[in-house]
Amino acid sequence: MSDLKNKRIITVATTGAWPTKENTPYVPIEPEEIAEEVYKCWKAGAAVCHIHCRDDQGKAAMEFPKFKKTVDLIRAHKDCDIIINLTTSGGINLSEDDRIKPFAELKPEMASYDCGTMNWQHSGVFENNPKFLEKLGLLMQEKGVKPEIEVFDPGMIYNAQYYIKKGVLKAPAHFQFCMGVAGGIKGTTKNLVFMKETMEEVAPGSTWSAFGVGASAMEILYASVAMGGHIRVGMEDNILYKKGVLAESNVVFVERVRRVIEEFGCEVAKPDEAREILNLK
């Protein structure tokens, strides 16, 4: 692993649950759009793609046929070895069975594991109750899918510690620090240091990635690279490339973070290197 310490994994989150074509015409919504964007981002240096899908009206959904078509289209690119990471959230107020089915049936290498309930964007409750989290973690083990433990505040890191001790999650874990979301921890370097140190205390040996939404995006990007972490970018988290300027694709985010990584003296991890770093089978 020592020769991989200088590698940084780029995850691209192309779509998310919230941006619409009205917000930006560039966000990929349909399976064909998402798959093509993922392929282009892989070519630009992304090792992991985090996938959300939408219904026919473009709204947040966990419709299995949309996920299957998107995954099939990504896998149809025979030269593309990107790691597929499926969401298990897809929005708020969605059924638990619908949230589970895409990863359980399609068996990607990774899927998100949102480690706690929170007030989401001051508009609703993003529920991840203890019974659901136990069911989710054990099923991921059964299906051979690695959880990406998404944490929006430090309390969720301690939740993860509890589930690791209980055997619901397996070490070494992988954390995604989700920062700057209304209802969660603010996206600052000081807070990122605190989140990383908390993780190292309660779940030693874990790997981590981070992203900041909105105005915190660049600060968290730079800090994550400097602190030895990995980084997520994409229109799920930001539709602006810079203040007042819409990003015309997800590729431009990947290209920028690649430049930052290389200018810092690090290297972008290829998918097989990312698999080794993340302990994927």
Protein backbone atom coordinates (compact mmCIF):
# COMPACT_ATOMS: atom_id res chain seq x y z
CA MET A 1 0.00 0.00 0.00
CA SER A 2 2.94 2.35 0.54
CA ASP A 3 3.31 3.00 -3.17
CA LEU A 4 -0.33 4.09 -3.29
CA LYS A 5 -0.05 6.79 -0.61
CA ASN A 6 0.59 9.44 -3.24
CA LYS A 7 -2.55 8.48 -5.19
CA ARG A 8 -5.81 10.39 -4.98
CA ILE A 9 -9.14 8.87 -6.08
CA ILE A 10 -11.54 11.04 -8.05
CA THR A 11 -15.23 10.21 -7.68
CA VAL A 12 -17.68 11.85 -10.04
CA ALA A 13 -21.30 12.34 -8.96
CA THR A 14 -22.89 13.33 -12.25
CA THR A 15 -26.55 13.84 -11.42
CA GLY A 16 -27.73 13.68 -7.82
CA ALA A 17 -31.34 14.07 -6.75
CA TRP A 18 -31.88 17.81 -7.05
CA PRO A 19 -30.56 19.80 -10.06
CA THR A 20 -33.06 19.97 -12.91
CA LYS A 21 -32.80 20.99 -16.54
CA GLU A 22 -34.36 24.26 -15.43
CA ASN A 23 -31.44 24.80 -13.04
CA THR A 24 -28.90 23.89 -15.69
CA PRO A 25 -29.36 22.41 -19.16
CA TYR A 26 -26.09 20.51 -18.73
CA VAL A 27 -27.08 18.10 -15.95
CA PRO A 28 -27.46 14.55 -17.29
CA ILE A 29 -30.87 13.10 -16.42
CA GLU A 30 -31.64 10.24 -18.80
CA PRO A 31 -29.72 6.93 -18.52
CA GLU A 32 -28.07 7.52 -21.90
CA GLU A 33 -26.89 10.98 -20.81
CA ILE A 34 -25.57 9.72 -17.47
CA ALA A 35 -23.73 6.76 -18.97
CA GLU A 36 -22.08 8.88 -21.64
CA GLU A 37 -21.05 11.49 -19.07
CA VAL A 38 -19.59 8.77 -16.83
CA TYR A 39 -17.59 7.39 -19.75
CA LYS A 40 -16.16 10.81 -20.57
CA CYS A 41 -15.33 11.43 -16.90
CA TRP A 42 -13.56 8.06 -16.71
CA LYS A 43 -11.44 9.08 -19.68
CA ALA A 44 -10.61 12.32 -17.87
CA GLY A 45 -9.45 10.52 -14.72
CA ALA A 46 -12.44 9.54 -12.56
CA ALA A 47 -12.01 6.13 -10.92
CA VAL A 48 -15.46 5.98 -9.28
CA CYS A 49 -18.90 7.07 -10.49
CA HIS A 50 -21.67 7.73 -7.96
CA ILE A 51 -25.01 7.14 -9.67
CA HIS A 52 -28.45 8.67 -9.09
CA CYS A 53 -31.37 8.26 -11.47
CA ARG A 54 -34.55 10.23 -12.10
CA ASP A 55 -38.10 9.38 -13.09
CA ASP A 56 -39.66 10.37 -16.41
CA GLN A 57 -40.43 13.84 -15.02
CA GLY A 58 -36.80 14.35 -14.02
CA LYS A 59 -37.55 14.09 -10.30
CA ALA A 60 -35.59 12.19 -7.65
CA ALA A 61 -36.48 8.51 -7.75
CA MET A 62 -35.19 5.01 -7.07
CA GLU A 63 -36.84 3.39 -10.09
CA PHE A 64 -35.04 0.11 -10.70
CA PRO A 65 -35.44 0.06 -14.53
CA LYS A 66 -33.66 3.44 -14.74
CA PHE A 67 -30.77 2.16 -12.63
CA LYS A 68 -30.51 -1.06 -14.60
CA LYS A 69 -30.45 0.75 -17.92
CA THR A 70 -27.84 3.23 -16.69
CA VAL A 71 -25.57 0.52 -15.27
CA ASP A 72 -25.98 -1.65 -18.37
CA LEU A 73 -25.01 1.28 -20.60
CA ILE A 74 -21.92 2.04 -18.50
CA ARG A 75 -20.88 -1.60 -18.52
CA ALA A 76 -21.45 -1.75 -22.29
CA HIS A 77 -18.28 0.34 -22.69
CA LYS A 78 -15.95 -2.67 -22.60
CA ASP A 79 -12.83 -0.55 -22.22
CA CYS A 80 -14.25 1.30 -19.20
CA ASP A 81 -13.22 -0.15 -15.83
CA ILE A 82 -14.69 2.59 -13.64
CA ILE A 83 -15.97 1.56 -10.20
CA ILE A 84 -19.76 1.86 -10.04
CA ASN A 85 -21.20 3.24 -6.79
CA LEU A 86 -25.02 3.33 -6.59
CA THR A 87 -26.95 5.59 -4.27
CA THR A 88 -29.30 4.10 -1.70
CA SER A 89 -30.99 7.42 -1.00
CA GLY A 90 -32.11 9.08 -4.23
CA GLY A 91 -34.14 11.68 -2.35
CA ILE A 92 -36.33 11.88 0.75
CA ASN A 93 -39.53 10.00 1.58
CA LEU A 94 -38.68 7.04 -0.66
CA SER A 95 -39.49 3.45 0.29
CA GLU A 96 -36.75 1.36 1.88
CA ASP A 97 -37.32 -1.51 -0.55
CA ASP A 98 -36.89 0.81 -3.53
CA ARG A 99 -33.72 2.23 -2.00
CA ILE A 100 -32.24 -1.23 -1.59
CA LYS A 101 -33.22 -2.93 -4.85
CA PRO A 102 -30.72 -1.30 -7.27
CA PHE A 103 -27.57 -2.39 -5.43
CA ALA A 104 -29.06 -5.72 -4.33
CA GLU A 105 -29.97 -6.68 -7.89
CA LEU A 106 -27.20 -5.00 -9.91
CA LYS A 107 -24.37 -5.73 -7.45
CA PRO A 108 -22.08 -2.74 -8.07
CA GLU A 109 -18.75 -2.66 -6.29
CA MET A 110 -19.94 0.12 -3.97
CA ALA A 111 -23.13 1.76 -2.72
CA SER A 112 -23.82 4.68 -0.42
CA TYR A 113 -24.61 4.14 3.26
CA ASP A 114 -26.00 7.32 4.83
CA CYS A 115 -25.14 6.82 8.47
CA GLY A 116 -27.92 8.72 10.27
CA THR A 117 -31.13 10.70 10.00
CA MET A 118 -31.00 14.46 9.48
CA ASN A 119 -33.09 17.52 8.64
CA TRP A 120 -32.38 17.93 4.95
CA GLN A 121 -31.96 21.39 3.46
CA HIS A 122 -34.42 22.80 6.03
CA SER A 123 -37.18 21.27 3.95
CA GLY A 124 -37.70 17.68 5.07
CA VAL A 125 -36.35 14.69 6.98
CA PHE A 126 -33.78 12.39 5.39
CA GLU A 127 -34.56 9.24 7.33
CA ASN A 128 -32.06 6.46 7.95
CA ASN A 129 -33.43 4.72 11.02
CA PRO A 130 -31.41 2.14 12.99
CA LYS A 131 -33.40 -0.86 11.76
CA PHE A 132 -32.89 0.21 8.13
CA LEU A 133 -29.18 0.81 8.64
CA GLU A 134 -28.71 -2.65 10.12
CA LYS A 135 -30.63 -4.24 7.25
CA LEU A 136 -28.68 -2.19 4.71
CA GLY A 137 -25.25 -2.99 6.12
CA LEU A 138 -25.86 -6.73 6.44
CA LEU A 139 -27.32 -6.96 2.94
CA MET A 140 -24.31 -5.13 1.50
CA GLN A 141 -22.08 -7.74 3.12
CA GLU A 142 -24.23 -10.54 1.69
CA LYS A 143 -24.11 -9.05 -1.82
CA GLY A 144 -20.39 -8.21 -1.70
CA VAL A 145 -21.00 -4.45 -2.05
CA LYS A 146 -18.68 -2.07 -0.19
CA PRO A 147 -20.50 0.66 1.75
CA GLU A 148 -19.45 4.24 1.14
CA ILE A 149 -20.31 5.63 4.57
CA GLU A 150 -21.72 9.09 3.90
CA VAL A 151 -21.52 11.35 6.95
CA PHE A 152 -23.00 14.83 7.14
CA ASP A 153 -21.94 15.57 10.71
CA PRO A 154 -19.55 14.05 13.29
CA GLY A 155 -22.33 12.15 15.07
CA MET A 156 -22.68 9.95 12.00
CA ILE A 157 -19.03 8.90 12.36
CA TYR A 158 -19.83 7.63 15.84
CA ASN A 159 -22.87 5.84 14.41
CA ALA A 160 -20.51 4.08 12.00
CA GLN A 161 -18.26 3.08 14.91
CA TYR A 162 -21.28 1.47 16.60
CA TYR A 163 -22.21 -0.50 13.47
CA ILE A 164 -18.61 -1.61 12.93
CA LYS A 165 -18.46 -2.92 16.49
CA LYS A 166 -21.80 -4.67 16.00
CA GLY A 167 -20.64 -6.32 12.76
CA VAL A 168 -23.15 -4.51 10.56
CA LEU A 169 -20.26 -2.73 8.83
CA LYS A 170 -16.88 -4.31 8.20
CA ALA A 171 -13.48 -2.71 8.66
CA PRO A 172 -11.58 -1.21 6.97
CA ALA A 173 -14.37 1.26 6.25
CA HIS A 174 -14.55 4.01 3.64
CA PHE A 175 -16.07 7.37 4.59
CA GLN A 176 -17.41 10.16 2.41
CA PHE A 177 -17.42 13.50 4.27
CA CYS A 178 -20.40 15.43 2.88
CA MET A 179 -19.83 19.06 3.83
CA GLY A 180 -21.71 22.30 3.43
CA VAL A 181 -25.15 20.72 3.12
CA ALA A 182 -27.85 22.70 4.94
CA GLY A 183 -28.65 20.68 8.03
CA GLY A 184 -25.14 19.25 8.27
CA ILE A 185 -21.63 20.43 9.14
CA LYS A 186 -20.28 23.55 7.43
CA GLY A 187 -17.68 23.02 4.71
CA THR A 188 -14.45 24.46 6.15
CA THR A 189 -10.90 23.18 6.45
CA LYS A 190 -11.15 23.34 10.24
CA ASN A 191 -14.22 21.13 10.20
CA LEU A 192 -12.63 18.72 7.71
CA VAL A 193 -9.63 18.29 10.01
CA PHE A 194 -12.03 17.56 12.88
CA MET A 195 -13.98 15.02 10.83
CA LYS A 196 -10.78 13.25 9.71
CA GLU A 197 -9.35 13.14 13.24
CA THR A 198 -12.65 11.83 14.62
CA MET A 199 -12.71 9.08 12.00
CA GLU A 200 -9.12 8.11 12.77
CA GLU A 201 -9.97 7.87 16.46
CA VAL A 202 -13.10 5.75 16.17
CA ALA A 203 -12.42 3.77 12.97
CA PRO A 204 -8.63 3.48 12.54
CA GLY A 205 -7.44 2.19 9.21
CA SER A 206 -10.35 3.69 7.30
CA THR A 207 -10.04 5.56 4.02
CA TRP A 208 -11.88 8.80 3.28
CA SER A 209 -13.04 11.18 0.62
CA ALA A 210 -14.78 14.54 0.85
CA PHE A 211 -16.72 17.13 -1.06
CA GLY A 212 -18.07 20.59 -0.34
CA VAL A 213 -21.25 21.98 -1.83
CA GLY A 214 -21.63 25.51 -3.11
CA ALA A 215 -19.12 28.06 -1.88
CA SER A 216 -17.18 25.46 0.12
CA ALA A 217 -16.34 23.29 -2.90
CA MET A 218 -12.87 24.58 -3.71
CA GLU A 219 -11.72 24.87 -0.10
CA ILE A 220 -12.66 21.25 0.60
CA LEU A 221 -11.10 20.13 -2.69
CA TYR A 222 -7.73 21.73 -1.89
CA ALA A 223 -7.79 20.65 1.75
CA SER A 224 -8.68 17.04 0.95
CA VAL A 225 -5.85 16.66 -1.52
CA ALA A 226 -3.37 18.25 0.89
CA MET A 227 -4.53 16.11 3.82
CA GLY A 228 -4.13 12.80 1.99
CA GLY A 229 -7.79 12.21 1.24
CA HIS A 230 -9.72 11.58 -1.92
CA ILE A 231 -12.22 13.89 -3.57
CA ARG A 232 -15.69 13.84 -5.09
CA VAL A 233 -16.85 16.33 -7.70
CA GLY A 234 -19.83 16.69 -9.98
CA MET A 235 -23.21 18.28 -10.60
CA GLU A 236 -24.82 16.42 -7.71
CA ASP A 237 -22.91 18.81 -5.46
CA ASN A 238 -22.36 21.90 -7.62
CA ILE A 239 -23.71 23.13 -10.93
CA LEU A 240 -21.44 26.20 -11.05
CA TYR A 241 -17.86 25.89 -12.23
CA LYS A 242 -17.16 29.24 -10.61
CA LYS A 243 -19.29 32.07 -9.32
CA GLY A 244 -21.92 32.95 -11.90
CA VAL A 245 -20.69 30.38 -14.47
CA LEU A 246 -22.51 27.11 -15.09
CA ALA A 247 -20.35 24.03 -15.58
CA GLU A 248 -20.98 22.80 -19.11
CA SER A 249 -20.26 19.18 -18.15
CA ASN A 250 -19.11 17.01 -15.29
CA VAL A 251 -15.89 16.49 -17.20
CA VAL A 252 -14.69 20.01 -16.44
CA PHE A 253 -14.88 19.27 -12.71
CA VAL A 254 -12.84 16.08 -13.15
CA GLU A 255 -10.27 17.86 -15.29
CA ARG A 256 -9.87 20.61 -12.71
CA VAL A 257 -9.39 18.28 -9.75
CA ARG A 258 -6.91 16.28 -11.79
CA ARG A 259 -4.88 19.43 -12.36
CA VAL A 260 -4.99 20.24 -8.63
CA ILE A 261 -3.86 16.74 -7.68
CA GLU A 262 -0.98 16.78 -10.14
CA GLU A 263 0.09 20.33 -9.31
CA PHE A 264 0.25 19.29 -5.66
CA GLY A 265 2.71 16.56 -6.62
CA CYS A 266 0.30 13.64 -6.30
CA GLU A 267 -1.06 11.23 -8.89
CA VAL A 268 -4.60 10.39 -9.94
CA ALA A 269 -5.52 6.84 -8.99
CA LYS A 270 -6.61 4.57 -11.81
CA PRO A 271 -9.64 2.34 -11.11
CA ASP A 272 -7.56 -0.74 -10.26
CA GLU A 273 -5.42 1.35 -7.92
CA ALA A 274 -8.59 2.71 -6.34
CA ARG A 275 -9.80 -0.86 -5.84
CA GLU A 276 -6.62 -1.66 -3.93
CA ILE A 277 -6.82 1.52 -1.84
CA LEU A 278 -10.49 0.87 -1.00
CA ASN A 279 -10.00 -2.85 -0.34
CA LEU A 280 -12.50 -3.88 -2.98
CA LYS A 281 -12.57 -7.54 -3.92
